[in-house]
Amino acid sequence: MMALDQIPKRDWYSVLGADPSADASDLKHKYQKLVLMYHPDKQSTAALEELEERRQRFLEVGQAWKVLGNEQSRKEYDLQRHGDRSFSLSCRCGGRYSVGEQEAAAIGLVPCDTCSLMVELLHDS
């Protein structure tokens, strides 16, 4: 059964200070830099109020990397960012069939992102 994803509430690219067109290695570099900057073990001289802000920032950076560091979740997030609802289905190989709402209206076959299997989209008339 295809699942409709929720529209994201955060701009994970801005959390990492990255451009949406950035490649995976650039995102990883920005993530690593921010994690070191906001890591709780590096905050011994910060004021108490600032410690909580930095801890929240550290958690946000981790969540941004969780979404953008994985190719499939980044693809789904990018679809959602553009206001396009996405649909996905698990493949028997462990991969996913994913398609945006606008794409779904125009295509008939959707390939799995890891193997050569495809599913056919049937449109209600």
Protein backbone atom coordinates (compact mmCIF):
# COMPACT_ATOMS: atom_id res chain seq x y z
CA MET A 1 0.00 0.00 0.00
CA MET A 2 1.36 3.43 -0.89
CA ALA A 3 1.86 5.86 1.99
CA LEU A 4 1.34 9.58 1.74
CA ASP A 5 4.17 11.47 3.47
CA GLN A 6 3.67 14.57 5.56
CA ILE A 7 4.98 17.93 4.37
CA PRO A 8 8.12 18.74 6.39
CA LYS A 9 7.99 21.42 9.06
CA ARG A 10 11.70 22.31 9.03
CA ASP A 11 14.09 23.36 6.30
CA TRP A 12 16.86 20.86 6.99
CA TYR A 13 19.14 22.46 4.39
CA SER A 14 19.11 25.78 6.29
CA VAL A 15 19.80 23.92 9.56
CA LEU A 16 23.03 22.63 7.98
CA GLY A 17 23.68 25.95 6.23
CA ALA A 18 23.69 24.13 2.89
CA ASP A 19 22.25 24.75 -0.53
CA PRO A 20 19.63 22.20 -1.73
CA SER A 21 21.85 21.52 -4.75
CA ALA A 22 24.81 20.53 -2.52
CA ASP A 23 26.26 17.08 -3.07
CA ALA A 24 26.41 14.42 -0.35
CA SER A 25 30.05 15.11 0.57
CA ASP A 26 29.35 18.84 1.04
CA LEU A 27 26.38 18.06 3.29
CA LYS A 28 28.50 15.64 5.31
CA HIS A 29 31.25 18.24 5.72
CA LYS A 30 28.78 20.86 6.96
CA TYR A 31 27.17 18.34 9.32
CA GLN A 32 30.50 17.31 10.82
CA LYS A 33 31.57 20.93 11.32
CA LEU A 34 28.31 21.81 13.11
CA VAL A 35 28.29 18.67 15.25
CA LEU A 36 31.76 19.51 16.54
CA MET A 37 30.75 23.12 17.17
CA TYR A 38 27.58 22.28 19.14
CA HIS A 39 28.58 18.99 20.77
CA PRO A 40 27.69 19.05 24.49
CA ASP A 41 31.24 18.03 25.47
CA LYS A 42 32.60 21.21 23.83
CA GLN A 43 30.35 23.60 25.81
CA SER A 44 32.11 23.83 29.20
CA THR A 45 32.54 27.63 29.08
CA ALA A 46 29.05 28.50 27.82
CA ALA A 47 26.41 30.14 30.05
CA LEU A 48 23.51 28.02 31.26
CA GLU A 49 20.96 29.60 28.85
CA GLU A 50 23.39 29.24 25.98
CA LEU A 51 24.00 25.59 26.88
CA GLU A 52 20.33 24.75 26.28
CA GLU A 53 20.28 26.62 22.96
CA ARG A 54 23.41 24.82 21.82
CA ARG A 55 22.01 21.45 22.92
CA GLN A 56 18.86 22.11 20.87
CA ARG A 57 20.99 23.16 17.91
CA PHE A 58 23.04 19.96 18.25
CA LEU A 59 19.84 17.88 18.16
CA GLU A 60 18.53 19.81 15.14
CA VAL A 61 21.77 19.25 13.24
CA GLY A 62 21.53 15.53 13.98
CA GLN A 63 17.96 15.39 12.70
CA ALA A 64 18.91 17.31 9.56
CA TRP A 65 21.67 14.81 8.85
CA LYS A 66 19.31 11.90 9.50
CA VAL A 67 17.03 13.22 6.73
CA LEU A 68 19.61 14.57 4.27
CA GLY A 69 22.40 12.05 4.84
CA ASN A 70 20.34 9.17 3.44
CA GLU A 71 19.81 9.28 -0.33
CA GLN A 72 16.25 7.95 -0.23
CA SER A 73 15.01 10.11 2.63
CA ARG A 74 16.65 13.16 1.00
CA LYS A 75 14.83 12.40 -2.27
CA GLU A 76 11.49 12.13 -0.47
CA TYR A 77 12.21 15.30 1.53
CA ASP A 78 13.08 17.20 -1.65
CA LEU A 79 9.76 16.16 -3.19
CA GLN A 80 7.93 17.38 -0.11
CA ARG A 81 9.80 20.70 -0.05
CA HIS A 82 8.39 21.58 -3.44
CA GLY A 83 4.85 21.09 -2.20
CA ASP A 84 4.58 17.86 -4.13
CA ARG A 85 3.06 15.03 -2.13
CA SER A 86 5.01 11.84 -2.59
CA PHE A 87 3.93 8.23 -2.61
CA SER A 88 6.15 5.29 -1.82
CA LEU A 89 5.95 1.54 -1.62
CA SER A 90 8.45 -1.00 -0.29
CA CYS A 91 9.97 -3.40 -2.79
CA ARG A 92 10.66 -7.04 -1.99
CA CYS A 93 14.40 -6.34 -2.39
CA GLY A 94 14.29 -3.79 0.45
CA GLY A 95 14.33 -0.77 -1.85
CA ARG A 96 11.52 1.69 -2.48
CA TYR A 97 9.28 2.75 -5.30
CA SER A 98 8.82 6.52 -4.93
CA VAL A 99 6.97 9.02 -7.08
CA GLY A 100 5.79 12.58 -6.62
CA GLU A 101 2.16 13.55 -7.16
CA GLN A 102 2.91 15.53 -10.32
CA GLU A 103 5.04 12.71 -11.75
CA ALA A 104 2.34 10.17 -10.94
CA ALA A 105 -0.10 11.88 -13.29
CA ALA A 106 2.32 11.58 -16.20
CA ILE A 107 4.00 8.18 -15.84
CA GLY A 108 2.83 4.60 -15.86
CA LEU A 109 5.80 2.63 -14.52
CA VAL A 110 7.82 3.41 -11.40
CA PRO A 111 11.24 1.75 -10.94
CA CYS A 112 12.60 0.50 -7.63
CA ASP A 113 15.52 2.62 -6.43
CA THR A 114 17.77 -0.41 -5.83
CA CYS A 115 16.79 -3.20 -8.23
CA SER A 116 15.35 -3.60 -11.73
CA LEU A 117 11.75 -4.28 -10.66
CA MET A 118 8.96 -1.84 -11.58
CA VAL A 119 5.37 -1.28 -10.54
CA GLU A 120 2.63 0.04 -12.75
CA LEU A 121 0.64 3.03 -11.61
CA LEU A 122 -3.05 2.69 -12.31
CA HIS A 123 -5.05 5.91 -12.41
CA ASP A 124 -8.69 6.07 -11.33
CA SER A 125 -10.91 7.24 -14.12
